[in-house]
Amino acid sequence: MGRVEELYEAQMNSAGQLPQGVCVVAQPDMLSSLDAIGNQVTAIECAIDADLPLGLLLSSSIVVLEVDPASRKSIDRINALRQEMPDVPVIAGLGQVDIATSRQLLRKGVGDIVALPFAMDELLTAIVDAAEKLSADQIEEQRLAPFITVMKTIGGTGSTTLATHLAAQMASDMGDQYRACVIDLDVQSGDVASYLGCSSRSSLIDLLEADGRLDGELMSSVVTEGHDRVDVIAAPTEIMPIESIEFDQLMRVITTARKSYDLVIVDLPASFTNWSLSTVFAADLSIMVGTLTIPSLRHAKRKLDFLISMGIDRSAIAVVLNRVEKRLFSSISANDAETALKHPVLAMVSEDSNLLRTAQDQGELVDAIQKRSKFSKEIRQLAESVAVRLAEEE
């Protein structure tokens, strides 16, 4: 058995052979040939002359890009990719491979060229060869912390409360010295900073406007400590238009946070925007927080259906029911919710409004007010369940 055959067989039997962070950007008909390794690479549909979704590529370790030499826009995309991500290997996919085009692409910084439609042995060899050329420092640099989005079905579900408590619990579970960062993207009514009793003159807007100046040092000057395990990037103090955020700028902020912290949790606004939907696409896991009420479940079903129709994998969305009253006779049960949603419920967290109100009034997490509570126990269980889901997604 030759090297290519051994590689191919190894890939089919083990998901651990390919490096993490490989993105393949191509038209849908070209991506269809990736079914055999679909769980090992991120396939991104993109028309041949459309702008690259750079925000989705910022955390890539290797990019495989469909190229049409006859399209000036297609060639220009390579320049944009090399300018934005100069250290990331690029593999070009060509319908017809000729010497002149190959030389042109190599001069533009393309590391390797494969034929289209993708032949699995050729593609796997190119990816593994590109990974072998990466230095150990580059590989370490591209290891990013888990990234979770938290969204609400409707207002008043307590999603911010869960996001802050989950961040602290998961960082604690990871071990000593581990820290999480919560980014408040509810730019019109975000309360993450106030819930954790912290304030800062700087906010998310300072990072979004930094452009090329954004780095770990600038981020450390903007974040504020909300807990001994959690830092906060606060929402702007002044209301800003919700559509004014540019997704590529936002992903630079999130990627920088993922390089600086051990866990990043993003608290999203209630309504979907282009950038918030793209953020859900980019996340390792998205948690939808609802309650056991008819309005909340109705909106949860609508949002689940919408996200799945947009191409987000059902397994990448976890439903958590918050503020659940544990009574012997309840009009709606967890089983009822799962039946209505046609989606499993990952966890349920009990209602404890007095304890939570006291903690929030003091800018503390519940554990600082009461060491042992049912709420804290269920947060620990939620953190364990989320950690398992993240491990499954790797």
Protein backbone atom coordinates (compact mmCIF):
# COMPACT_ATOMS: atom_id res chain seq x y z
CA MET A 1 0.00 0.00 0.00
CA GLY A 2 1.45 3.39 -1.03
CA ARG A 3 1.61 6.59 1.03
CA VAL A 4 -1.53 8.09 -0.51
CA GLU A 5 -3.53 4.89 0.02
CA GLU A 6 -2.32 4.66 3.62
CA LEU A 7 -3.24 8.29 4.19
CA TYR A 8 -6.68 7.85 2.71
CA GLU A 9 -7.42 4.75 4.75
CA ALA A 10 -6.17 6.44 7.91
CA GLN A 11 -8.43 9.43 7.28
CA MET A 12 -11.45 7.26 6.77
CA ASN A 13 -10.79 5.40 10.03
CA SER A 14 -9.61 8.22 12.27
CA ALA A 15 -10.79 11.81 12.61
CA GLY A 16 -7.54 12.71 14.35
CA GLN A 17 -5.30 12.60 11.28
CA LEU A 18 -6.22 15.90 9.64
CA PRO A 19 -5.14 19.10 11.40
CA GLN A 20 -7.88 21.13 13.04
CA GLY A 21 -9.07 24.31 11.42
CA VAL A 22 -9.06 23.26 7.75
CA CYS A 23 -11.60 25.30 5.74
CA VAL A 24 -12.68 24.50 2.20
CA VAL A 25 -14.29 27.41 0.33
CA ALA A 26 -16.01 26.45 -2.91
CA GLN A 27 -19.27 26.29 -4.82
CA PRO A 28 -21.84 23.75 -3.56
CA ASP A 29 -21.28 21.26 -6.37
CA MET A 30 -17.58 21.11 -5.52
CA LEU A 31 -18.22 20.69 -1.79
CA SER A 32 -20.44 17.67 -2.36
CA SER A 33 -17.37 15.50 -2.92
CA LEU A 34 -16.19 16.14 0.66
CA ASP A 35 -18.82 13.95 2.32
CA ALA A 36 -16.23 11.34 3.34
CA ILE A 37 -14.30 13.90 5.45
CA GLY A 38 -17.13 16.33 6.11
CA ASN A 39 -16.71 16.11 9.89
CA GLN A 40 -12.98 16.89 9.68
CA VAL A 41 -13.07 20.07 7.61
CA THR A 42 -15.29 23.16 7.57
CA ALA A 43 -17.03 23.45 4.20
CA ILE A 44 -18.08 27.00 3.30
CA GLU A 45 -20.31 27.60 0.29
CA CYS A 46 -19.22 30.61 -1.74
CA ALA A 47 -19.81 31.61 -5.34
CA ILE A 48 -16.67 31.83 -7.43
CA ASP A 49 -16.81 35.63 -7.75
CA ALA A 50 -18.34 36.46 -4.35
CA ASP A 51 -16.42 38.18 -1.57
CA LEU A 52 -14.69 35.76 0.76
CA PRO A 53 -16.31 35.33 4.21
CA LEU A 54 -13.07 36.41 5.89
CA GLY A 55 -14.71 36.49 9.30
CA LEU A 56 -15.34 32.74 9.10
CA LEU A 57 -11.77 32.08 7.97
CA LEU A 58 -9.83 34.03 10.62
CA SER A 59 -9.43 30.97 12.84
CA SER A 60 -8.40 28.65 10.00
CA SER A 61 -5.14 26.72 10.04
CA ILE A 62 -5.31 25.88 6.30
CA VAL A 63 -7.61 27.27 3.59
CA VAL A 64 -8.56 25.35 0.45
CA LEU A 65 -10.02 27.83 -2.05
CA GLU A 66 -11.75 27.24 -5.39
CA VAL A 67 -10.17 29.51 -8.00
CA ASP A 68 -11.28 30.42 -11.52
CA PRO A 69 -8.32 31.97 -13.43
CA ALA A 70 -10.76 33.54 -15.92
CA SER A 71 -12.41 35.58 -13.15
CA ARG A 72 -10.50 38.64 -11.99
CA LYS A 73 -12.59 38.71 -8.80
CA SER A 74 -11.60 35.11 -8.09
CA ILE A 75 -7.90 35.97 -8.40
CA ASP A 76 -8.32 39.11 -6.30
CA ARG A 77 -9.76 36.95 -3.51
CA ILE A 78 -6.38 35.28 -3.16
CA ASN A 79 -4.72 38.67 -2.67
CA ALA A 80 -7.29 39.57 0.00
CA LEU A 81 -6.78 36.25 1.75
CA ARG A 82 -2.98 36.54 1.75
CA GLN A 83 -3.15 40.12 3.00
CA GLU A 84 -5.53 39.26 5.83
CA MET A 85 -3.95 35.92 6.78
CA PRO A 86 -0.33 35.90 5.53
CA ASP A 87 0.76 32.96 7.70
CA VAL A 88 -2.07 30.57 6.80
CA PRO A 89 -1.28 28.06 4.00
CA VAL A 90 -3.57 28.35 0.98
CA ILE A 91 -4.35 25.47 -1.38
CA ALA A 92 -5.99 26.44 -4.68
CA GLY A 93 -8.53 24.21 -6.41
CA LEU A 94 -8.54 24.56 -10.20
CA GLY A 95 -10.86 23.12 -12.82
CA GLN A 96 -7.96 22.99 -15.28
CA VAL A 97 -4.39 22.91 -14.03
CA ASP A 98 -1.84 24.43 -16.42
CA ILE A 99 1.71 25.65 -15.95
CA ALA A 100 1.02 29.35 -16.56
CA THR A 101 -1.86 29.53 -14.08
CA SER A 102 0.05 27.47 -11.53
CA ARG A 103 3.00 29.84 -11.69
CA GLN A 104 0.71 32.84 -11.32
CA LEU A 105 -0.92 31.39 -8.21
CA LEU A 106 2.37 30.32 -6.67
CA ARG A 107 3.69 33.87 -7.11
CA LYS A 108 0.63 35.10 -5.21
CA GLY A 109 1.53 32.93 -2.24
CA VAL A 110 -0.54 29.81 -2.92
CA GLY A 111 1.25 26.85 -1.39
CA ASP A 112 -0.23 24.01 -3.44
CA ILE A 113 -2.71 23.33 -6.23
CA VAL A 114 -5.25 20.51 -6.58
CA ALA A 115 -7.64 19.65 -9.38
CA LEU A 116 -11.40 20.16 -9.30
CA PRO A 117 -13.65 18.39 -8.61
CA PHE A 118 -11.69 17.31 -5.55
CA ALA A 119 -10.02 13.91 -5.69
CA MET A 120 -9.87 12.72 -2.08
CA ASP A 121 -6.34 11.28 -2.18
CA GLU A 122 -4.92 14.42 -3.80
CA LEU A 123 -6.73 16.77 -1.41
CA LEU A 124 -5.71 14.83 1.69
CA THR A 125 -2.08 14.75 0.57
CA ALA A 126 -2.07 18.51 -0.05
CA ILE A 127 -3.61 19.24 3.36
CA VAL A 128 -1.20 16.97 5.24
CA ASP A 129 1.79 18.37 3.32
CA ALA A 130 0.69 21.92 4.18
CA ALA A 131 0.31 20.98 7.85
CA GLU A 132 3.80 19.46 7.92
CA LYS A 133 5.27 22.76 6.71
CA LEU A 134 3.75 24.67 9.59
CA SER A 135 6.20 25.34 12.39
CA ALA A 136 5.42 24.23 15.92
CA ASP A 137 5.01 27.89 16.92
CA GLN A 138 2.48 28.47 14.15
CA ILE A 139 0.48 25.39 15.15
CA GLU A 140 0.43 26.55 18.77
CA GLU A 141 -0.61 30.06 17.70
CA GLN A 142 -3.59 28.66 15.81
CA ARG A 143 -4.98 26.73 18.76
CA LEU A 144 -7.99 28.74 19.83
CA ALA A 145 -10.14 28.52 22.93
CA PRO A 146 -13.67 27.11 22.66
CA PHE A 147 -16.20 29.71 21.53
CA ILE A 148 -19.85 29.54 22.62
CA THR A 149 -22.75 31.81 21.74
CA VAL A 150 -25.70 32.25 24.08
CA MET A 151 -28.98 33.44 22.58
CA LYS A 152 -32.43 33.98 24.01
CA THR A 153 -35.76 32.82 22.60
CA ILE A 154 -37.47 35.99 23.84
CA GLY A 155 -36.59 38.68 26.34
CA GLY A 156 -36.60 37.77 30.01
CA THR A 157 -35.31 34.19 29.75
CA GLY A 158 -32.23 34.88 31.89
CA SER A 159 -29.71 34.16 29.13
CA THR A 160 -27.20 36.71 30.47
CA THR A 161 -27.42 35.15 33.93
CA LEU A 162 -26.66 31.72 32.47
CA ALA A 163 -23.85 33.08 30.28
CA THR A 164 -22.01 34.69 33.20
CA HIS A 165 -22.45 31.76 35.60
CA LEU A 166 -21.56 29.23 32.91
CA ALA A 167 -18.35 31.11 32.05
CA ALA A 168 -17.19 31.12 35.66
CA GLN A 169 -18.11 27.47 36.26
CA MET A 170 -16.46 26.16 33.10
CA ALA A 171 -13.26 28.12 33.76
CA SER A 172 -13.20 26.72 37.30
CA ASP A 173 -13.76 23.19 36.00
CA MET A 174 -10.84 23.55 33.60
CA GLY A 175 -8.43 24.00 36.50
CA ASP A 176 -6.38 26.60 38.32
CA GLN A 177 -5.31 29.68 36.36
CA TYR A 178 -7.91 29.18 33.63
CA ARG A 179 -9.96 32.22 32.66
CA ALA A 180 -13.01 32.91 30.54
CA CYS A 181 -14.08 36.01 28.64
CA VAL A 182 -17.71 37.04 28.17
CA ILE A 183 -18.34 39.39 25.24
CA ASP A 184 -21.58 41.37 25.49
CA LEU A 185 -22.95 41.71 21.96
CA ASP A 186 -26.35 42.93 23.08
CA VAL A 187 -25.24 46.38 21.97
CA GLN A 188 -28.51 48.11 22.81
CA SER A 189 -29.40 46.63 26.19
CA GLY A 190 -26.48 44.49 27.36
CA ASP A 191 -26.17 43.88 31.11
CA VAL A 192 -23.18 41.55 31.44
CA ALA A 193 -20.97 44.16 33.11
CA SER A 194 -23.65 45.28 35.56
CA TYR A 195 -24.54 41.69 36.46
CA LEU A 196 -20.89 41.13 37.40
CA GLY A 197 -20.51 44.45 39.18
CA CYS A 198 -17.85 45.88 36.89
CA SER A 199 -17.53 48.98 34.78
CA SER A 200 -15.03 50.37 32.32
CA ARG A 201 -14.57 53.47 30.22
CA SER A 202 -13.78 51.20 27.27
CA SER A 203 -16.14 48.77 25.61
CA LEU A 204 -16.66 46.52 22.61
CA ILE A 205 -16.78 49.54 20.29
CA ASP A 206 -13.12 50.37 21.08
CA LEU A 207 -12.07 46.94 19.83
CA LEU A 208 -14.32 47.02 16.76
CA GLU A 209 -12.79 50.34 15.72
CA ALA A 210 -9.19 49.23 16.31
CA ASP A 211 -8.76 47.54 12.89
CA GLY A 212 -5.08 46.64 12.43
CA ARG A 213 -4.18 47.85 15.95
CA LEU A 214 -6.16 45.04 17.57
CA ASP A 215 -3.96 42.67 19.55
CA GLY A 216 -3.83 41.02 22.94
CA GLU A 217 -2.34 44.10 24.58
CA LEU A 218 -5.12 46.39 23.37
CA MET A 219 -7.71 43.83 24.40
CA SER A 220 -6.26 43.64 27.92
CA SER A 221 -6.69 47.41 28.22
CA VAL A 222 -10.38 47.17 27.29
CA VAL A 223 -11.54 44.12 29.27
CA THR A 224 -12.58 44.49 32.87
CA GLU A 225 -12.51 41.84 35.59
CA GLY A 226 -16.01 40.73 36.53
CA HIS A 227 -15.03 37.67 38.56
CA ASP A 228 -11.83 35.94 39.63
CA ARG A 229 -12.27 33.63 36.62
CA VAL A 230 -14.13 35.89 34.19
CA ASP A 231 -13.24 39.04 32.26
CA VAL A 232 -15.85 41.08 30.42
CA ILE A 233 -15.88 42.99 27.15
CA ALA A 234 -18.78 45.28 27.90
CA ALA A 235 -21.48 46.48 25.54
CA PRO A 236 -21.24 50.18 24.58
CA THR A 237 -22.61 52.57 27.19
CA GLU A 238 -24.50 54.45 24.48
CA ILE A 239 -27.06 52.72 22.26
CA MET A 240 -25.71 52.04 18.79
CA PRO A 241 -27.54 50.86 15.65
CA ILE A 242 -27.67 47.08 15.86
CA GLU A 243 -26.72 46.64 12.18
CA SER A 244 -23.66 48.89 12.45
CA ILE A 245 -21.37 46.01 13.47
CA GLU A 246 -19.18 44.58 10.70
CA PHE A 247 -18.86 40.82 11.02
CA ASP A 248 -15.21 40.66 9.92
CA GLN A 249 -14.27 43.22 12.59
CA LEU A 250 -16.28 41.32 15.17
CA MET A 251 -14.55 38.05 14.33
CA ARG A 252 -11.16 39.71 14.77
CA VAL A 253 -12.26 40.64 18.29
CA ILE A 254 -13.54 37.13 19.03
CA THR A 255 -10.43 35.46 17.55
CA THR A 256 -8.13 37.72 19.58
CA ALA A 257 -10.10 36.81 22.72
CA ARG A 258 -9.83 33.10 21.86
CA LYS A 259 -6.04 33.49 21.70
CA SER A 260 -5.96 35.25 25.08
CA TYR A 261 -8.44 33.19 27.11
CA ASP A 262 -9.32 29.55 27.74
CA LEU A 263 -13.02 30.00 26.96
CA VAL A 264 -15.01 32.69 25.15
CA ILE A 265 -18.76 33.10 25.62
CA VAL A 266 -20.71 35.62 23.53
CA ASP A 267 -24.05 36.96 24.77
CA LEU A 268 -26.17 37.72 21.69
CA PRO A 269 -29.13 40.09 21.27
CA ALA A 270 -32.65 38.69 20.98
CA SER A 271 -33.09 39.49 17.29
CA PHE A 272 -31.08 38.01 14.45
CA THR A 273 -28.91 40.26 12.32
CA ASN A 274 -26.52 39.34 9.51
CA TRP A 275 -23.57 39.51 11.87
CA SER A 276 -25.22 37.67 14.77
CA LEU A 277 -26.31 34.85 12.46
CA SER A 278 -22.77 34.59 11.08
CA THR A 279 -21.47 34.52 14.66
CA VAL A 280 -23.69 31.52 15.39
CA PHE A 281 -22.28 29.83 12.27
CA ALA A 282 -18.72 30.43 13.49
CA ALA A 283 -19.28 29.20 17.07
CA ASP A 284 -18.27 25.78 18.36
CA LEU A 285 -21.63 25.54 20.13
CA SER A 286 -24.69 27.77 20.42
CA ILE A 287 -26.92 27.67 23.48
CA MET A 288 -30.53 28.75 23.06
CA VAL A 289 -32.03 29.78 26.38
CA GLY A 290 -35.78 29.59 26.82
CA THR A 291 -38.42 28.93 29.45
CA LEU A 292 -41.23 26.42 29.88
CA THR A 293 -43.86 28.81 28.56
CA ILE A 294 -45.88 28.70 25.37
CA PRO A 295 -44.50 32.00 23.95
CA SER A 296 -40.89 31.03 24.65
CA LEU A 297 -41.27 27.55 23.16
CA ARG A 298 -43.02 28.96 20.11
CA HIS A 299 -40.17 31.40 19.47
CA ALA A 300 -37.60 28.69 20.18
CA LYS A 301 -39.18 26.47 17.53
CA ARG A 302 -39.18 29.29 15.00
CA LYS A 303 -35.54 30.13 15.69
CA LEU A 304 -34.43 26.51 15.58
CA ASP A 305 -36.19 25.98 12.26
CA PHE A 306 -34.65 29.17 10.89
CA LEU A 307 -31.10 28.31 11.98
CA ILE A 308 -31.32 24.80 10.59
CA SER A 309 -32.80 26.09 7.31
CA MET A 310 -29.78 28.39 7.05
CA GLY A 311 -27.46 25.39 7.18
CA ILE A 312 -26.42 25.29 10.85
CA ASP A 313 -26.04 21.72 12.06
CA ARG A 314 -28.71 20.70 14.57
CA SER A 315 -26.00 19.18 16.79
CA ALA A 316 -24.33 22.59 17.11
CA ILE A 317 -27.39 24.03 18.90
CA ALA A 318 -28.17 23.18 22.54
CA VAL A 319 -31.47 24.13 24.16
CA VAL A 320 -31.46 25.07 27.84
CA LEU A 321 -34.66 25.80 29.73
CA ASN A 322 -34.21 28.37 32.47
CA ARG A 323 -36.38 29.59 35.35
CA VAL A 324 -38.10 26.24 35.56
CA GLU A 325 -40.46 25.77 38.48
CA LYS A 326 -40.06 22.20 39.69
CA ARG A 327 -43.61 21.35 40.72
CA LEU A 328 -45.33 17.99 40.96
CA PHE A 329 -48.08 19.11 38.63
CA SER A 330 -46.89 21.36 35.84
CA SER A 331 -48.80 22.35 32.72
CA ILE A 332 -45.72 21.87 30.50
CA SER A 333 -42.98 19.29 31.08
CA ALA A 334 -39.50 18.88 29.58
CA ASN A 335 -40.83 16.03 27.45
CA ASP A 336 -43.56 18.31 26.16
CA ALA A 337 -40.92 20.90 25.27
CA GLU A 338 -38.78 18.37 23.40
CA THR A 339 -41.83 17.15 21.50
CA ALA A 340 -42.84 20.69 20.56
CA LEU A 341 -39.32 21.69 19.54
CA LYS A 342 -38.42 18.36 17.91
CA HIS A 343 -35.07 18.95 19.55
CA PRO A 344 -33.52 17.60 22.77
CA VAL A 345 -33.27 19.76 25.87
CA LEU A 346 -29.70 19.78 27.16
CA ALA A 347 -30.49 21.02 30.67
CA MET A 348 -33.06 22.70 32.90
CA VAL A 349 -32.19 25.33 35.52
CA SER A 350 -34.54 26.06 38.41
CA GLU A 351 -36.21 29.33 39.24
CA ASP A 352 -34.68 31.11 42.26
CA SER A 353 -35.62 34.71 41.66
CA ASN A 354 -34.90 36.05 45.18
CA LEU A 355 -31.37 34.60 45.28
CA LEU A 356 -30.56 35.80 41.75
CA ARG A 357 -31.96 39.27 42.39
CA THR A 358 -29.83 39.61 45.51
CA ALA A 359 -26.71 38.48 43.64
CA GLN A 360 -27.33 40.79 40.68
CA ASP A 361 -28.04 43.78 42.93
CA GLN A 362 -24.62 43.23 44.49
CA GLY A 363 -22.88 42.55 41.17
CA GLU A 364 -21.98 39.01 42.24
CA LEU A 365 -22.51 35.45 41.11
CA VAL A 366 -24.82 33.30 43.20
CA ASP A 367 -21.97 31.36 44.85
CA ALA A 368 -20.74 34.57 46.49
CA ILE A 369 -24.13 34.99 48.16
CA GLN A 370 -24.94 31.39 48.98
CA LYS A 371 -22.35 28.65 48.66
CA ARG A 372 -24.80 25.83 48.21
CA SER A 373 -27.96 26.28 46.20
CA LYS A 374 -30.01 24.30 43.74
CA PHE A 375 -29.25 26.90 41.10
CA SER A 376 -25.48 26.51 41.54
CA LYS A 377 -25.76 22.73 41.41
CA GLU A 378 -27.66 22.89 38.14
CA ILE A 379 -25.14 25.35 36.69
CA ARG A 380 -22.38 22.83 37.48
CA GLN A 381 -24.38 20.13 35.72
CA LEU A 382 -24.93 22.44 32.76
CA ALA A 383 -21.20 23.20 32.57
CA GLU A 384 -20.41 19.49 32.53
CA SER A 385 -22.95 18.87 29.76
CA VAL A 386 -21.59 21.74 27.68
CA ALA A 387 -18.03 20.47 28.11
CA VAL A 388 -19.14 17.06 26.83
CA ARG A 389 -20.83 18.64 23.81
CA LEU A 390 -17.70 20.66 23.00
CA ALA A 391 -15.60 17.51 23.20
CA GLU A 392 -17.99 15.78 20.80
CA GLU A 393 -17.65 18.64 18.32
CA GLU A 394 -13.84 18.41 18.21
